[in-house]
Amino acid sequence: MQITRFAEAKPYQTTRHHDMVGLQLQGHAASQTDVFTCGLSLFLPGGGADMSSSPAEKIYVVLEGEIVVRTETGEYTLGPLDSCHLAPNEARAIENRNNTVASVLVILSKPKVKV
């Protein structure tokens, strides 16, 4: 078992995000995982992510606050304990339109390694 204490979680940078702090909870340098990583994204008021896609599947679980997730099919507001799944290569944008920090648990699939 590999434990990451919240007080020891390392921040990470991610492209196309602004006014957001990410903390790596599992995966990458935090632990050895085979198929996913898990992080905590803290979106400041006005913070978010630009419209983009990646080959990773994504699950977002809002822990506190509220975010707006925009996809090609519409705009969806997620509040505490709401979640969404984004398919591989599904484009999305995120925005925190409130004056409080939004905490979002982020689970990402790891890309499959071609042999």
C-alpha atoms as a PDB file:
ATOM      1  CA  MET A   1       0.000   0.000   0.000  1.00  0.00           C
ATOM      2  CA  GLN A   2       1.198   3.508  -0.769  1.00  0.00           C
ATOM      3  CA  ILE A   3      -0.150   6.409   1.277  1.00  0.00           C
ATOM      4  CA  THR A   4       0.022  10.069   0.366  1.00  0.00           C
ATOM      5  CA  ARG A   5      -0.648  12.349   3.317  1.00  0.00           C
ATOM      6  CA  PHE A   6      -2.471  15.486   2.235  1.00  0.00           C
ATOM      7  CA  ALA A   7       0.073  17.643   4.064  1.00  0.00           C
ATOM      8  CA  GLU A   8       2.813  16.051   1.933  1.00  0.00           C
ATOM      9  CA  ALA A   9       1.028  16.089  -1.459  1.00  0.00           C
ATOM     10  CA  LYS A  10       3.204  17.762  -4.103  1.00  0.00           C
ATOM     11  CA  PRO A  11       1.871  20.523  -6.339  1.00  0.00           C
ATOM     12  CA  TYR A  12       1.975  19.975 -10.080  1.00  0.00           C
ATOM     13  CA  GLN A  13       1.672  22.221 -13.111  1.00  0.00           C
ATOM     14  CA  THR A  14      -0.662  21.506 -15.976  1.00  0.00           C
ATOM     15  CA  THR A  15      -0.969  23.250 -19.316  1.00  0.00           C
ATOM     16  CA  ARG A  16      -3.937  25.383 -20.362  1.00  0.00           C
ATOM     17  CA  HIS A  17      -5.069  25.899 -16.735  1.00  0.00           C
ATOM     18  CA  HIS A  18      -5.130  29.263 -14.957  1.00  0.00           C
ATOM     19  CA  ASP A  19      -5.687  30.325 -11.356  1.00  0.00           C
ATOM     20  CA  MET A  20      -5.555  26.651 -10.334  1.00  0.00           C
ATOM     21  CA  VAL A  21      -3.322  24.712  -7.983  1.00  0.00           C
ATOM     22  CA  GLY A  22      -3.046  20.958  -8.481  1.00  0.00           C
ATOM     23  CA  LEU A  23      -1.895  18.502  -5.820  1.00  0.00           C
ATOM     24  CA  GLN A  24      -0.815  14.981  -6.837  1.00  0.00           C
ATOM     25  CA  LEU A  25      -2.492  12.441  -4.538  1.00  0.00           C
ATOM     26  CA  GLN A  26      -1.706   9.175  -6.353  1.00  0.00           C
ATOM     27  CA  GLY A  27       0.240   8.292  -9.476  1.00  0.00           C
ATOM     28  CA  HIS A  28       3.213   9.956 -11.133  1.00  0.00           C
ATOM     29  CA  ALA A  29       5.801  10.639  -8.394  1.00  0.00           C
ATOM     30  CA  ALA A  30       3.267  10.131  -5.551  1.00  0.00           C
ATOM     31  CA  SER A  31       2.793   6.381  -6.035  1.00  0.00           C
ATOM     32  CA  GLN A  32       3.091   3.597  -8.555  1.00  0.00           C
ATOM     33  CA  THR A  33      -0.214   3.152 -10.376  1.00  0.00           C
ATOM     34  CA  ASP A  34      -0.772   1.178 -13.550  1.00  0.00           C
ATOM     35  CA  VAL A  35      -3.929   2.627 -15.059  1.00  0.00           C
ATOM     36  CA  PHE A  36      -4.799   5.974 -13.446  1.00  0.00           C
ATOM     37  CA  THR A  37      -3.623   8.996 -11.506  1.00  0.00           C
ATOM     38  CA  CYS A  38      -5.527  11.008  -8.930  1.00  0.00           C
ATOM     39  CA  GLY A  39      -5.131  14.666  -8.067  1.00  0.00           C
ATOM     40  CA  LEU A  40      -6.902  17.495  -6.324  1.00  0.00           C
ATOM     41  CA  SER A  41      -7.485  20.659  -8.334  1.00  0.00           C
ATOM     42  CA  LEU A  42      -8.163  23.875  -6.427  1.00  0.00           C
ATOM     43  CA  PHE A  43      -9.720  26.458  -8.743  1.00  0.00           C
ATOM     44  CA  LEU A  44      -9.583  30.029  -7.478  1.00  0.00           C
ATOM     45  CA  PRO A  45     -12.461  32.390  -8.275  1.00  0.00           C
ATOM     46  CA  GLY A  46     -12.315  32.981 -12.029  1.00  0.00           C
ATOM     47  CA  GLY A  47      -9.933  30.057 -12.462  1.00  0.00           C
ATOM     48  CA  GLY A  48     -10.360  27.276 -14.944  1.00  0.00           C
ATOM     49  CA  ALA A  49      -9.053  25.345 -17.896  1.00  0.00           C
ATOM     50  CA  ASP A  50      -9.141  26.297 -21.564  1.00  0.00           C
ATOM     51  CA  MET A  51     -11.048  24.183 -24.062  1.00  0.00           C
ATOM     52  CA  SER A  52      -8.826  21.203 -24.886  1.00  0.00           C
ATOM     53  CA  SER A  53      -8.811  17.432 -25.079  1.00  0.00           C
ATOM     54  CA  SER A  54      -6.381  14.629 -24.305  1.00  0.00           C
ATOM     55  CA  PRO A  55      -6.254  10.863 -24.791  1.00  0.00           C
ATOM     56  CA  ALA A  56      -6.894  10.345 -21.052  1.00  0.00           C
ATOM     57  CA  GLU A  57     -10.329   9.482 -19.711  1.00  0.00           C
ATOM     58  CA  LYS A  58     -11.270  11.911 -16.943  1.00  0.00           C
ATOM     59  CA  ILE A  59     -13.540  11.799 -13.923  1.00  0.00           C
ATOM     60  CA  TYR A  60     -14.187  15.004 -11.982  1.00  0.00           C
ATOM     61  CA  VAL A  61     -15.800  14.918  -8.525  1.00  0.00           C
ATOM     62  CA  VAL A  62     -16.562  18.322  -7.013  1.00  0.00           C
ATOM     63  CA  LEU A  63     -15.799  18.257  -3.301  1.00  0.00           C
ATOM     64  CA  GLU A  64     -16.478  21.915  -2.448  1.00  0.00           C
ATOM     65  CA  GLY A  65     -17.682  24.918  -4.385  1.00  0.00           C
ATOM     66  CA  GLU A  66     -18.955  24.822  -7.932  1.00  0.00           C
ATOM     67  CA  ILE A  67     -17.501  24.556 -11.435  1.00  0.00           C
ATOM     68  CA  VAL A  68     -18.948  24.899 -14.902  1.00  0.00           C
ATOM     69  CA  VAL A  69     -17.821  22.240 -17.384  1.00  0.00           C
ATOM     70  CA  ARG A  70     -18.363  23.140 -21.025  1.00  0.00           C
ATOM     71  CA  THR A  71     -18.218  20.535 -23.796  1.00  0.00           C
ATOM     72  CA  GLU A  72     -19.335  20.467 -27.419  1.00  0.00           C
ATOM     73  CA  THR A  73     -22.750  19.259 -26.197  1.00  0.00           C
ATOM     74  CA  GLY A  74     -23.416  22.034 -23.684  1.00  0.00           C
ATOM     75  CA  GLU A  75     -22.566  23.688 -20.399  1.00  0.00           C
ATOM     76  CA  TYR A  76     -23.028  21.884 -17.081  1.00  0.00           C
ATOM     77  CA  THR A  77     -22.792  23.217 -13.532  1.00  0.00           C
ATOM     78  CA  LEU A  78     -21.422  20.777 -10.943  1.00  0.00           C
ATOM     79  CA  GLY A  79     -21.730  21.329  -7.207  1.00  0.00           C
ATOM     80  CA  PRO A  80     -20.603  19.366  -4.138  1.00  0.00           C
ATOM     81  CA  LEU A  81     -20.471  15.601  -4.763  1.00  0.00           C
ATOM     82  CA  ASP A  82     -21.609  15.996  -8.391  1.00  0.00           C
ATOM     83  CA  SER A  83     -19.339  14.221 -10.850  1.00  0.00           C
ATOM     84  CA  CYS A  84     -18.803  13.811 -14.566  1.00  0.00           C
ATOM     85  CA  HIS A  85     -16.945  11.464 -16.898  1.00  0.00           C
ATOM     86  CA  LEU A  86     -15.165  12.692 -20.022  1.00  0.00           C
ATOM     87  CA  ALA A  87     -14.288  10.176 -22.716  1.00  0.00           C
ATOM     88  CA  PRO A  88     -10.819  10.040 -24.269  1.00  0.00           C
ATOM     89  CA  ASN A  89     -10.308  13.005 -26.638  1.00  0.00           C
ATOM     90  CA  GLU A  90     -13.546  14.685 -25.503  1.00  0.00           C
ATOM     91  CA  ALA A  91     -12.913  18.437 -25.436  1.00  0.00           C
ATOM     92  CA  ARG A  92     -13.874  20.391 -22.321  1.00  0.00           C
ATOM     93  CA  ALA A  93     -13.354  23.736 -20.624  1.00  0.00           C
ATOM     94  CA  ILE A  94     -13.718  24.434 -16.895  1.00  0.00           C
ATOM     95  CA  GLU A  95     -14.578  27.662 -15.118  1.00  0.00           C
ATOM     96  CA  ASN A  96     -15.114  28.654 -11.487  1.00  0.00           C
ATOM     97  CA  ARG A  97     -17.647  31.493 -11.709  1.00  0.00           C
ATOM     98  CA  ASN A  98     -18.029  31.940  -7.949  1.00  0.00           C
ATOM     99  CA  ASN A  99     -16.083  33.859  -5.318  1.00  0.00           C
ATOM    100  CA  THR A 100     -15.069  30.747  -3.390  1.00  0.00           C
ATOM    101  CA  VAL A 101     -12.411  28.133  -4.143  1.00  0.00           C
ATOM    102  CA  ALA A 102     -13.703  25.023  -5.913  1.00  0.00           C
ATOM    103  CA  SER A 103     -12.062  21.717  -4.915  1.00  0.00           C
ATOM    104  CA  VAL A 104     -12.235  18.978  -7.538  1.00  0.00           C
ATOM    105  CA  LEU A 105     -10.963  15.411  -7.249  1.00  0.00           C
ATOM    106  CA  VAL A 106      -9.537  14.487 -10.669  1.00  0.00           C
ATOM    107  CA  ILE A 107      -8.997  10.887 -11.783  1.00  0.00           C
ATOM    108  CA  LEU A 108      -7.175  10.409 -15.098  1.00  0.00           C
ATOM    109  CA  SER A 109      -6.480   7.250 -17.024  1.00  0.00           C
ATOM    110  CA  LYS A 110      -2.860   6.646 -17.962  1.00  0.00           C
ATOM    111  CA  PRO A 111      -2.189   6.307 -21.684  1.00  0.00           C
ATOM    112  CA  LYS A 112      -1.808   2.732 -22.843  1.00  0.00           C
ATOM    113  CA  VAL A 113       1.752   1.858 -23.740  1.00  0.00           C
ATOM    114  CA  LYS A 114       2.120   0.331 -27.207  1.00  0.00           C
ATOM    115  CA  VAL A 115       4.343  -2.703 -27.293  1.00  0.00           C
END
